[in-house]
């Protein structure tokens, strides 16, 4: 059971589902509750049950805030740039 992928996937699914069901107010409350667990700059860690979760805070513009879940190219970025960013392999892996 050293690296049980089935258990890890189940844990991920449980935590992901829990976070996805939270609204902004609930997520902010979770962050406030775990305020002392700074990881780096504005990033922090939170604890859900027995699990630690790394939280990366990414500021959004008013345009992005006004259009949640939108995949439109609001800034008219060139398609090749978007594709390059999307297709680059990650430099570090996290799970």
Protein backbone atom coordinates (compact mmCIF):
# COMPACT_ATOMS: atom_id res chain seq x y z
CA UNK A 1 0.00 0.00 0.00
CA UNK A 2 3.04 2.22 -0.49
CA UNK A 3 1.58 4.18 -3.43
CA UNK A 4 -2.01 2.95 -3.72
CA UNK A 5 -3.31 4.83 -6.79
CA UNK A 6 -6.89 3.67 -6.23
CA UNK A 7 -6.91 5.15 -2.72
CA UNK A 8 -5.27 8.36 -3.97
CA UNK A 9 -7.86 8.74 -6.74
CA UNK A 10 -10.71 8.18 -4.30
CA UNK A 11 -9.26 10.76 -1.91
CA UNK A 12 -8.76 13.24 -4.76
CA UNK A 13 -12.33 12.72 -5.98
CA UNK A 14 -13.73 13.22 -2.46
CA UNK A 15 -11.72 16.41 -1.84
CA UNK A 16 -12.39 17.76 -5.33
CA UNK A 17 -16.13 17.18 -4.95
CA UNK A 18 -16.15 18.85 -1.54
CA UNK A 19 -14.33 21.95 -2.82
CA UNK A 20 -16.39 22.15 -6.02
CA UNK A 21 -19.60 22.26 -3.98
CA UNK A 22 -18.40 25.24 -1.93
CA UNK A 23 -19.40 28.74 -2.97
CA UNK A 24 -16.98 31.68 -2.71
CA UNK A 25 -18.08 32.50 0.84
CA UNK A 26 -17.46 28.94 2.03
CA UNK A 27 -14.05 28.77 0.34
CA UNK A 28 -13.03 32.08 1.91
CA UNK A 29 -14.15 30.75 5.31
CA UNK A 30 -11.96 27.65 4.82
CA UNK A 31 -9.00 29.88 3.96
CA UNK A 32 -9.64 32.16 6.94
CA UNK A 33 -9.89 29.14 9.26
CA UNK A 34 -6.44 27.96 8.08
CA UNK A 35 -4.85 31.42 7.92
CA UNK A 36 -1.71 30.41 9.82
CA UNK A 37 -0.66 27.79 7.29
CA UNK A 38 1.18 29.95 4.77
CA UNK A 39 3.10 27.98 2.18
CA UNK A 40 4.60 30.68 -0.05
CA UNK A 41 3.55 34.31 -0.69
CA UNK A 42 -0.24 34.31 -1.04
CA UNK A 43 -0.42 30.54 -1.32
CA UNK A 44 -1.45 28.53 1.68
CA UNK A 45 -2.45 25.13 2.85
CA UNK A 46 -5.80 24.08 4.23
CA UNK A 47 -6.84 20.94 6.04
CA UNK A 48 -9.98 19.00 5.16
CA UNK A 49 -10.42 16.07 7.51
CA UNK A 50 -7.08 14.25 7.57
CA UNK A 51 -5.93 15.72 4.25
CA UNK A 52 -3.75 18.74 3.56
CA UNK A 53 -4.52 20.72 0.40
CA UNK A 54 -2.21 23.24 -1.26
CA UNK A 55 -4.14 26.36 -2.31
CA UNK A 56 -2.75 28.68 -4.94
CA UNK A 57 -4.46 32.05 -4.97
CA UNK A 58 -4.64 33.55 -8.44
CA UNK A 59 -5.91 37.13 -8.72
CA UNK A 60 -8.52 37.70 -11.41
CA UNK A 61 -9.42 40.83 -13.32
CA UNK A 62 -12.88 42.37 -13.15
CA UNK A 63 -13.57 41.03 -16.66
CA UNK A 64 -12.74 37.49 -15.51
CA UNK A 65 -14.77 37.93 -12.32
CA UNK A 66 -17.80 39.13 -14.30
CA UNK A 67 -17.60 36.08 -16.62
CA UNK A 68 -17.04 33.01 -14.41
CA UNK A 69 -16.32 29.73 -16.20
CA UNK A 70 -16.04 31.56 -19.54
CA UNK A 71 -13.63 30.17 -22.09
CA UNK A 72 -13.95 33.14 -24.45
CA UNK A 73 -10.78 34.88 -25.53
CA UNK A 74 -11.67 38.18 -23.80
CA UNK A 75 -8.16 39.58 -24.23
CA UNK A 76 -7.89 38.54 -27.89
CA UNK A 77 -4.68 36.58 -27.29
CA UNK A 78 -3.24 34.96 -30.37
CA UNK A 79 -4.29 31.34 -30.72
CA UNK A 80 -0.70 30.07 -31.10
CA UNK A 81 0.19 31.60 -27.69
CA UNK A 82 -2.79 29.93 -26.05
CA UNK A 83 -1.93 26.59 -27.63
CA UNK A 84 1.73 26.88 -26.63
CA UNK A 85 0.74 27.52 -23.03
CA UNK A 86 -1.80 24.70 -23.00
CA UNK A 87 0.49 22.14 -24.59
CA UNK A 88 3.61 22.75 -22.53
CA UNK A 89 4.27 19.92 -20.09
CA UNK A 90 4.24 20.94 -16.42
CA UNK A 91 7.62 21.58 -14.85
CA UNK A 92 6.67 20.06 -11.51
CA UNK A 93 4.16 17.39 -10.67
CA UNK A 94 1.69 17.56 -7.80
CA UNK A 95 -1.11 15.35 -6.69
